[in-house]
Amino acid sequence: MSKAKDIMVVTPHPDDAEFGVAGTVARWTRDGKDVVYVVTTNGDKGSSDVNVQPAALAKTREEEQLAAAKVLGVSEVVFLRYPDQGLEDTAEFRKTLVRQIRKFRPRTVVTCDPYRRYRWHRDHRITAQATMDAVFPYARDVHSYPDLLEEGLQPHKVKELLFWAPEEPNCKLDITETFSVKLAALMCHKSQVGGHGHEDLEGFLREWAETSAEGTAFALAEAFYRVEMRD
């Protein structure tokens, strides 16, 4: 069994976590927390260039994600490689997530918000919903997916869920000192942000972080909806 991680970040595509949670991840790893990424899709649709081959793009995006994870101090990246825009909320997908939760046994699980209205990529919505269900009750309950016990994967109770990009956040975390690391990690995703100049991307991210920090003493923040998972 793998060494338990402090935090598991479940991200729909390579680069989503860098937009949503990288400043906080950088804080966590700076403070000695062990963070693992689980990337659910291969991102092979993430280009408007008709000449880009999806298989090649998926390989590129994995390499970019590994580079970004290194910048952030993430200890491990798991690629599930479901097809981009092809993710479905199935028992098989949920079991895959339960397997990762029981393997890494995180205290905190982080993913995108499942309940954004009107404009939200379905891979984001499905990843978040399936992650939420995998955390509770499936990863917790001994009789859920009993064959996982045969793999040596015992039930695990996650203590906390954090959803990034919520419409109504109830938790804001300071990224003032790690904003530059967030930007550097995002710049690793050249296939996604290569059309934007460094200053344009920094300006966008800074404005977003300033808005997220409103109502706090922080200069820059990332906003979440936090759920405490009670015993």
C-alpha atoms as a PDB file:
ATOM      1  CA  MET A   1       0.000   0.000   0.000  1.00  0.00           C
ATOM      2  CA  SER A   2       1.226   3.503  -0.863  1.00  0.00           C
ATOM      3  CA  LYS A   3       2.180   5.970   1.839  1.00  0.00           C
ATOM      4  CA  ALA A   4      -0.865   8.009   2.833  1.00  0.00           C
ATOM      5  CA  LYS A   5      -1.129  11.460   1.264  1.00  0.00           C
ATOM      6  CA  ASP A   6      -2.356  14.566   3.013  1.00  0.00           C
ATOM      7  CA  ILE A   7      -4.272  15.887  -0.012  1.00  0.00           C
ATOM      8  CA  MET A   8      -5.667  14.387  -3.219  1.00  0.00           C
ATOM      9  CA  VAL A   9      -6.530  16.765  -6.055  1.00  0.00           C
ATOM     10  CA  VAL A  10      -8.915  15.248  -8.615  1.00  0.00           C
ATOM     11  CA  THR A  11      -8.808  17.317 -11.796  1.00  0.00           C
ATOM     12  CA  PRO A  12     -10.850  16.801 -14.989  1.00  0.00           C
ATOM     13  CA  HIS A  13      -8.136  17.812 -17.475  1.00  0.00           C
ATOM     14  CA  PRO A  14      -4.452  18.633 -17.342  1.00  0.00           C
ATOM     15  CA  ASP A  15      -4.249  22.387 -16.460  1.00  0.00           C
ATOM     16  CA  ASP A  16      -7.604  22.650 -14.610  1.00  0.00           C
ATOM     17  CA  ALA A  17      -6.003  22.228 -11.198  1.00  0.00           C
ATOM     18  CA  GLU A  18      -3.410  24.891 -12.006  1.00  0.00           C
ATOM     19  CA  PHE A  19      -6.191  27.390 -12.703  1.00  0.00           C
ATOM     20  CA  GLY A  20      -8.273  26.358  -9.708  1.00  0.00           C
ATOM     21  CA  VAL A  21      -6.045  25.348  -6.827  1.00  0.00           C
ATOM     22  CA  ALA A  22      -2.328  25.667  -7.661  1.00  0.00           C
ATOM     23  CA  GLY A  23      -1.661  28.597  -5.330  1.00  0.00           C
ATOM     24  CA  THR A  24      -3.060  26.595  -2.429  1.00  0.00           C
ATOM     25  CA  VAL A  25      -1.213  23.446  -3.509  1.00  0.00           C
ATOM     26  CA  ALA A  26       2.037  25.429  -3.509  1.00  0.00           C
ATOM     27  CA  ARG A  27       1.283  26.580   0.037  1.00  0.00           C
ATOM     28  CA  TRP A  28       0.550  23.051   1.170  1.00  0.00           C
ATOM     29  CA  THR A  29       3.715  21.546  -0.282  1.00  0.00           C
ATOM     30  CA  ARG A  30       5.788  24.455   1.059  1.00  0.00           C
ATOM     31  CA  ASP A  31       4.411  23.583   4.489  1.00  0.00           C
ATOM     32  CA  GLY A  32       5.392  19.928   4.108  1.00  0.00           C
ATOM     33  CA  LYS A  33       2.046  18.470   2.993  1.00  0.00           C
ATOM     34  CA  ASP A  34       2.130  15.510   0.612  1.00  0.00           C
ATOM     35  CA  VAL A  35      -0.120  16.122  -2.423  1.00  0.00           C
ATOM     36  CA  VAL A  36      -1.150  13.700  -5.175  1.00  0.00           C
ATOM     37  CA  TYR A  37      -2.915  14.626  -8.415  1.00  0.00           C
ATOM     38  CA  VAL A  38      -5.475  12.357 -10.097  1.00  0.00           C
ATOM     39  CA  VAL A  39      -6.217  13.511 -13.670  1.00  0.00           C
ATOM     40  CA  THR A  40      -9.414  11.939 -14.962  1.00  0.00           C
ATOM     41  CA  THR A  41      -9.327  12.657 -18.732  1.00  0.00           C
ATOM     42  CA  ASN A  42      -6.534  12.759 -21.285  1.00  0.00           C
ATOM     43  CA  GLY A  43      -7.356  16.238 -22.612  1.00  0.00           C
ATOM     44  CA  ASP A  44      -7.100  15.103 -26.220  1.00  0.00           C
ATOM     45  CA  LYS A  45      -9.791  17.546 -27.435  1.00  0.00           C
ATOM     46  CA  GLY A  46      -8.080  20.615 -25.962  1.00  0.00           C
ATOM     47  CA  SER A  47      -6.988  22.353 -29.147  1.00  0.00           C
ATOM     48  CA  SER A  48      -8.579  24.424 -31.903  1.00  0.00           C
ATOM     49  CA  ASP A  49      -5.784  23.447 -34.332  1.00  0.00           C
ATOM     50  CA  VAL A  50      -7.223  21.000 -36.874  1.00  0.00           C
ATOM     51  CA  ASN A  51      -3.697  19.734 -37.620  1.00  0.00           C
ATOM     52  CA  VAL A  52      -3.057  18.581 -34.060  1.00  0.00           C
ATOM     53  CA  GLN A  53      -3.534  14.846 -33.632  1.00  0.00           C
ATOM     54  CA  PRO A  54      -5.494  13.945 -30.470  1.00  0.00           C
ATOM     55  CA  ALA A  55      -3.109  11.162 -29.408  1.00  0.00           C
ATOM     56  CA  ALA A  56      -0.118  13.482 -29.712  1.00  0.00           C
ATOM     57  CA  LEU A  57      -1.961  16.208 -27.825  1.00  0.00           C
ATOM     58  CA  ALA A  58      -2.796  13.816 -24.982  1.00  0.00           C
ATOM     59  CA  LYS A  59       0.894  12.897 -24.667  1.00  0.00           C
ATOM     60  CA  THR A  60       1.901  16.556 -24.696  1.00  0.00           C
ATOM     61  CA  ARG A  61      -0.608  17.429 -22.036  1.00  0.00           C
ATOM     62  CA  GLU A  62       0.602  14.663 -19.746  1.00  0.00           C
ATOM     63  CA  GLU A  63       4.135  15.997 -20.085  1.00  0.00           C
ATOM     64  CA  GLU A  64       2.891  19.506 -19.321  1.00  0.00           C
ATOM     65  CA  GLN A  65       1.007  18.278 -16.267  1.00  0.00           C
ATOM     66  CA  LEU A  66       4.091  16.498 -14.938  1.00  0.00           C
ATOM     67  CA  ALA A  67       6.136  19.671 -15.404  1.00  0.00           C
ATOM     68  CA  ALA A  68       3.524  21.758 -13.591  1.00  0.00           C
ATOM     69  CA  ALA A  69       3.340  19.222 -10.754  1.00  0.00           C
ATOM     70  CA  LYS A  70       7.120  19.422 -10.355  1.00  0.00           C
ATOM     71  CA  VAL A  71       6.940  23.217 -10.071  1.00  0.00           C
ATOM     72  CA  LEU A  72       4.284  22.882  -7.358  1.00  0.00           C
ATOM     73  CA  GLY A  73       6.024  20.118  -5.421  1.00  0.00           C
ATOM     74  CA  VAL A  74       3.273  17.553  -6.062  1.00  0.00           C
ATOM     75  CA  SER A  75       4.713  14.146  -5.180  1.00  0.00           C
ATOM     76  CA  GLU A  76       2.762  11.972  -7.619  1.00  0.00           C
ATOM     77  CA  VAL A  77       0.452  12.300 -10.640  1.00  0.00           C
ATOM     78  CA  VAL A  78      -2.001   9.546 -11.622  1.00  0.00           C
ATOM     79  CA  PHE A  79      -3.419   9.680 -15.157  1.00  0.00           C
ATOM     80  CA  LEU A  80      -6.714   7.809 -15.547  1.00  0.00           C
ATOM     81  CA  ARG A  81      -6.831   8.614 -19.301  1.00  0.00           C
ATOM     82  CA  TYR A  82     -10.577   8.660 -19.874  1.00  0.00           C
ATOM     83  CA  PRO A  83     -11.395  10.372 -23.197  1.00  0.00           C
ATOM     84  CA  ASP A  84     -11.806  14.137 -23.128  1.00  0.00           C
ATOM     85  CA  GLN A  85     -15.515  15.038 -23.485  1.00  0.00           C
ATOM     86  CA  GLY A  86     -16.332  11.347 -23.094  1.00  0.00           C
ATOM     87  CA  LEU A  87     -16.486  11.042 -19.329  1.00  0.00           C
ATOM     88  CA  GLU A  88     -19.606   9.362 -17.913  1.00  0.00           C
ATOM     89  CA  ASP A  89     -20.806   9.004 -14.336  1.00  0.00           C
ATOM     90  CA  THR A  90     -20.665   5.227 -14.211  1.00  0.00           C
ATOM     91  CA  ALA A  91     -20.095   2.663 -11.479  1.00  0.00           C
ATOM     92  CA  GLU A  92     -16.805   1.794 -13.169  1.00  0.00           C
ATOM     93  CA  PHE A  93     -15.542   5.399 -13.086  1.00  0.00           C
ATOM     94  CA  ARG A  94     -16.664   5.813  -9.480  1.00  0.00           C
ATOM     95  CA  LYS A  95     -14.880   2.590  -8.532  1.00  0.00           C
ATOM     96  CA  THR A  96     -11.691   3.897 -10.159  1.00  0.00           C
ATOM     97  CA  LEU A  97     -11.876   6.971  -7.945  1.00  0.00           C
ATOM     98  CA  VAL A  98     -12.659   4.892  -4.857  1.00  0.00           C
ATOM     99  CA  ARG A  99      -9.564   2.819  -5.630  1.00  0.00           C
ATOM    100  CA  GLN A 100      -7.403   5.962  -5.670  1.00  0.00           C
ATOM    101  CA  ILE A 101      -8.912   7.268  -2.419  1.00  0.00           C
ATOM    102  CA  ARG A 102      -8.382   3.953  -0.644  1.00  0.00           C
ATOM    103  CA  LYS A 103      -4.867   3.678  -2.081  1.00  0.00           C
ATOM    104  CA  PHE A 104      -3.662   7.148  -1.074  1.00  0.00           C
ATOM    105  CA  ARG A 105      -5.907   7.630   2.006  1.00  0.00           C
ATOM    106  CA  PRO A 106      -5.970  11.462   1.906  1.00  0.00           C
ATOM    107  CA  ARG A 107      -7.297  13.636   4.699  1.00  0.00           C
ATOM    108  CA  THR A 108      -8.521  16.224   2.167  1.00  0.00           C
ATOM    109  CA  VAL A 109      -9.901  15.732  -1.339  1.00  0.00           C
ATOM    110  CA  VAL A 110     -10.039  18.712  -3.710  1.00  0.00           C
ATOM    111  CA  THR A 111     -11.913  18.952  -7.008  1.00  0.00           C
ATOM    112  CA  CYS A 112     -13.958  21.440  -9.014  1.00  0.00           C
ATOM    113  CA  ASP A 113     -17.439  22.439  -7.923  1.00  0.00           C
ATOM    114  CA  PRO A 114     -20.129  20.046  -9.205  1.00  0.00           C
ATOM    115  CA  TYR A 115     -23.002  22.516  -8.964  1.00  0.00           C
ATOM    116  CA  ARG A 116     -22.075  25.500 -11.145  1.00  0.00           C
ATOM    117  CA  ARG A 117     -25.098  26.536 -13.171  1.00  0.00           C
ATOM    118  CA  TYR A 118     -25.537  27.060 -16.910  1.00  0.00           C
ATOM    119  CA  ARG A 119     -21.925  27.166 -18.087  1.00  0.00           C
ATOM    120  CA  TRP A 120     -19.692  24.332 -16.967  1.00  0.00           C
ATOM    121  CA  HIS A 121     -17.786  21.667 -18.906  1.00  0.00           C
ATOM    122  CA  ARG A 122     -19.532  18.316 -18.449  1.00  0.00           C
ATOM    123  CA  ASP A 123     -16.198  16.620 -17.681  1.00  0.00           C
ATOM    124  CA  HIS A 124     -15.862  19.036 -14.757  1.00  0.00           C
ATOM    125  CA  ARG A 125     -19.376  18.358 -13.540  1.00  0.00           C
ATOM    126  CA  ILE A 126     -19.065  14.580 -13.850  1.00  0.00           C
ATOM    127  CA  THR A 127     -15.586  14.467 -12.294  1.00  0.00           C
ATOM    128  CA  ALA A 128     -16.789  16.486  -9.316  1.00  0.00           C
ATOM    129  CA  GLN A 129     -20.014  14.537  -8.819  1.00  0.00           C
ATOM    130  CA  ALA A 130     -18.290  11.165  -9.088  1.00  0.00           C
ATOM    131  CA  THR A 131     -15.518  12.298  -6.734  1.00  0.00           C
ATOM    132  CA  MET A 132     -18.062  13.464  -4.189  1.00  0.00           C
ATOM    133  CA  ASP A 133     -19.865  10.121  -4.353  1.00  0.00           C
ATOM    134  CA  ALA A 134     -16.598   8.183  -4.204  1.00  0.00           C
ATOM    135  CA  VAL A 135     -15.630  10.023  -1.017  1.00  0.00           C
ATOM    136  CA  PHE A 136     -19.032   9.455   0.571  1.00  0.00           C
ATOM    137  CA  PRO A 137     -20.250   6.835   0.956  1.00  0.00           C
ATOM    138  CA  TYR A 138     -18.332   4.459  -1.316  1.00  0.00           C
ATOM    139  CA  ALA A 139     -14.722   4.844  -0.117  1.00  0.00           C
ATOM    140  CA  ARG A 140     -15.957   4.710   3.478  1.00  0.00           C
ATOM    141  CA  ASP A 141     -18.194   1.650   3.393  1.00  0.00           C
ATOM    142  CA  VAL A 142     -16.667  -1.791   3.693  1.00  0.00           C
ATOM    143  CA  HIS A 143     -19.316  -3.479   1.547  1.00  0.00           C
ATOM    144  CA  SER A 144     -18.939  -1.050  -1.365  1.00  0.00           C
ATOM    145  CA  TYR A 145     -16.841  -2.683  -4.089  1.00  0.00           C
ATOM    146  CA  PRO A 146     -15.838  -5.638  -1.862  1.00  0.00           C
ATOM    147  CA  ASP A 147     -13.365  -6.843  -4.477  1.00  0.00           C
ATOM    148  CA  LEU A 148     -11.194  -3.835  -3.569  1.00  0.00           C
ATOM    149  CA  LEU A 149     -10.614  -5.530  -0.222  1.00  0.00           C
ATOM    150  CA  GLU A 150      -8.985  -8.365  -2.148  1.00  0.00           C
ATOM    151  CA  GLU A 151      -6.559  -5.762  -3.542  1.00  0.00           C
ATOM    152  CA  GLY A 152      -5.681  -4.798   0.019  1.00  0.00           C
ATOM    153  CA  LEU A 153      -7.588  -1.513  -0.198  1.00  0.00           C
ATOM    154  CA  GLN A 154      -9.365  -0.946   3.082  1.00  0.00           C
ATOM    155  CA  PRO A 155     -12.188   1.586   3.547  1.00  0.00           C
ATOM    156  CA  HIS A 156     -11.095   5.153   4.193  1.00  0.00           C
ATOM    157  CA  LYS A 157     -12.890   8.188   5.639  1.00  0.00           C
ATOM    158  CA  VAL A 158     -11.924  11.500   4.040  1.00  0.00           C
ATOM    159  CA  LYS A 159     -12.135  14.354   6.550  1.00  0.00           C
ATOM    160  CA  GLU A 160     -12.631  17.324   4.220  1.00  0.00           C
ATOM    161  CA  LEU A 161     -13.775  18.182   0.696  1.00  0.00           C
ATOM    162  CA  LEU A 162     -12.808  21.407  -1.073  1.00  0.00           C
ATOM    163  CA  PHE A 163     -14.488  22.437  -4.338  1.00  0.00           C
ATOM    164  CA  TRP A 164     -12.781  25.101  -6.436  1.00  0.00           C
ATOM    165  CA  ALA A 165     -14.624  27.683  -8.574  1.00  0.00           C
ATOM    166  CA  PRO A 166     -17.858  27.626  -6.554  1.00  0.00           C
ATOM    167  CA  GLU A 167     -20.543  30.208  -7.169  1.00  0.00           C
ATOM    168  CA  GLU A 168     -20.977  30.669  -3.409  1.00  0.00           C
ATOM    169  CA  PRO A 169     -17.644  30.058  -1.640  1.00  0.00           C
ATOM    170  CA  ASN A 170     -17.473  29.563   2.104  1.00  0.00           C
ATOM    171  CA  CYS A 171     -13.690  29.229   2.364  1.00  0.00           C
ATOM    172  CA  LYS A 172     -10.909  31.477   1.033  1.00  0.00           C
ATOM    173  CA  LEU A 173      -7.229  30.587   1.309  1.00  0.00           C
ATOM    174  CA  ASP A 174      -4.322  32.997   1.075  1.00  0.00           C
ATOM    175  CA  ILE A 175      -2.084  32.601  -2.006  1.00  0.00           C
ATOM    176  CA  THR A 176      -0.344  35.977  -1.812  1.00  0.00           C
ATOM    177  CA  GLU A 177       3.071  34.379  -1.300  1.00  0.00           C
ATOM    178  CA  THR A 178       2.542  31.535  -3.774  1.00  0.00           C
ATOM    179  CA  PHE A 179       0.852  33.390  -6.634  1.00  0.00           C
ATOM    180  CA  SER A 180       4.088  33.441  -8.637  1.00  0.00           C
ATOM    181  CA  VAL A 181       4.385  29.658  -8.261  1.00  0.00           C
ATOM    182  CA  LYS A 182       0.792  29.232  -9.488  1.00  0.00           C
ATOM    183  CA  LEU A 183       1.624  31.340 -12.538  1.00  0.00           C
ATOM    184  CA  ALA A 184       4.825  29.381 -13.242  1.00  0.00           C
ATOM    185  CA  ALA A 185       2.932  26.083 -13.001  1.00  0.00           C
ATOM    186  CA  LEU A 186       0.215  27.287 -15.351  1.00  0.00           C
ATOM    187  CA  MET A 187       2.805  28.463 -17.867  1.00  0.00           C
ATOM    188  CA  CYS A 188       3.967  24.837 -18.132  1.00  0.00           C
ATOM    189  CA  HIS A 189       0.731  24.121 -20.030  1.00  0.00           C
ATOM    190  CA  LYS A 190       1.999  25.662 -23.257  1.00  0.00           C
ATOM    191  CA  SER A 191      -0.552  23.833 -25.419  1.00  0.00           C
ATOM    192  CA  GLN A 192      -3.314  25.593 -23.502  1.00  0.00           C
ATOM    193  CA  VAL A 193      -1.914  29.034 -22.646  1.00  0.00           C
ATOM    194  CA  GLY A 194       0.673  29.435 -25.403  1.00  0.00           C
ATOM    195  CA  GLY A 195      -1.509  31.942 -27.239  1.00  0.00           C
ATOM    196  CA  HIS A 196      -1.497  34.276 -24.240  1.00  0.00           C
ATOM    197  CA  GLY A 197       1.417  36.473 -23.320  1.00  0.00           C
ATOM    198  CA  HIS A 198       2.871  36.087 -19.850  1.00  0.00           C
ATOM    199  CA  GLU A 199       1.597  39.518 -18.834  1.00  0.00           C
ATOM    200  CA  ASP A 200      -1.934  38.827 -20.123  1.00  0.00           C
ATOM    201  CA  LEU A 201      -2.148  35.546 -18.212  1.00  0.00           C
ATOM    202  CA  GLU A 202      -0.694  37.069 -15.070  1.00  0.00           C
ATOM    203  CA  GLY A 203      -3.148  39.949 -15.248  1.00  0.00           C
ATOM    204  CA  PHE A 204      -6.103  37.608 -15.615  1.00  0.00           C
ATOM    205  CA  LEU A 205      -4.978  35.389 -12.756  1.00  0.00           C
ATOM    206  CA  ARG A 206      -4.183  38.323 -10.488  1.00  0.00           C
ATOM    207  CA  GLU A 207      -7.577  39.925 -11.069  1.00  0.00           C
ATOM    208  CA  TRP A 208      -9.290  36.607 -10.342  1.00  0.00           C
ATOM    209  CA  ALA A 209      -7.233  36.153  -7.156  1.00  0.00           C
ATOM    210  CA  GLU A 210      -7.950  39.716  -6.022  1.00  0.00           C
ATOM    211  CA  THR A 211     -11.673  39.171  -6.538  1.00  0.00           C
ATOM    212  CA  SER A 212     -11.467  35.871  -4.654  1.00  0.00           C
ATOM    213  CA  ALA A 213      -9.765  37.658  -1.752  1.00  0.00           C
ATOM    214  CA  GLU A 214     -12.559  40.209  -1.282  1.00  0.00           C
ATOM    215  CA  GLY A 215     -13.805  40.229   2.303  1.00  0.00           C
ATOM    216  CA  THR A 216     -10.533  38.841   3.698  1.00  0.00           C
ATOM    217  CA  ALA A 217      -7.256  40.326   4.906  1.00  0.00           C
ATOM    218  CA  PHE A 218      -5.436  38.635   2.012  1.00  0.00           C
ATOM    219  CA  ALA A 219      -4.183  40.389  -1.091  1.00  0.00           C
ATOM    220  CA  LEU A 220      -4.713  37.288  -3.250  1.00  0.00           C
ATOM    221  CA  ALA A 221      -6.770  34.169  -2.588  1.00  0.00           C
ATOM    222  CA  GLU A 222      -8.324  31.045  -4.026  1.00  0.00           C
ATOM    223  CA  ALA A 223     -11.965  30.450  -3.132  1.00  0.00           C
ATOM    224  CA  PHE A 224     -13.606  27.127  -2.325  1.00  0.00           C
ATOM    225  CA  TYR A 225     -16.748  25.547  -1.010  1.00  0.00           C
ATOM    226  CA  ARG A 226     -15.590  23.496   1.970  1.00  0.00           C
ATOM    227  CA  VAL A 227     -17.445  20.447   3.294  1.00  0.00           C
ATOM    228  CA  GLU A 228     -16.414  18.838   6.556  1.00  0.00           C
ATOM    229  CA  MET A 229     -17.038  15.098   6.489  1.00  0.00           C
ATOM    230  CA  ARG A 230     -18.219  14.194   9.974  1.00  0.00           C
ATOM    231  CA  ASP A 231     -17.759  10.710  11.408  1.00  0.00           C
END
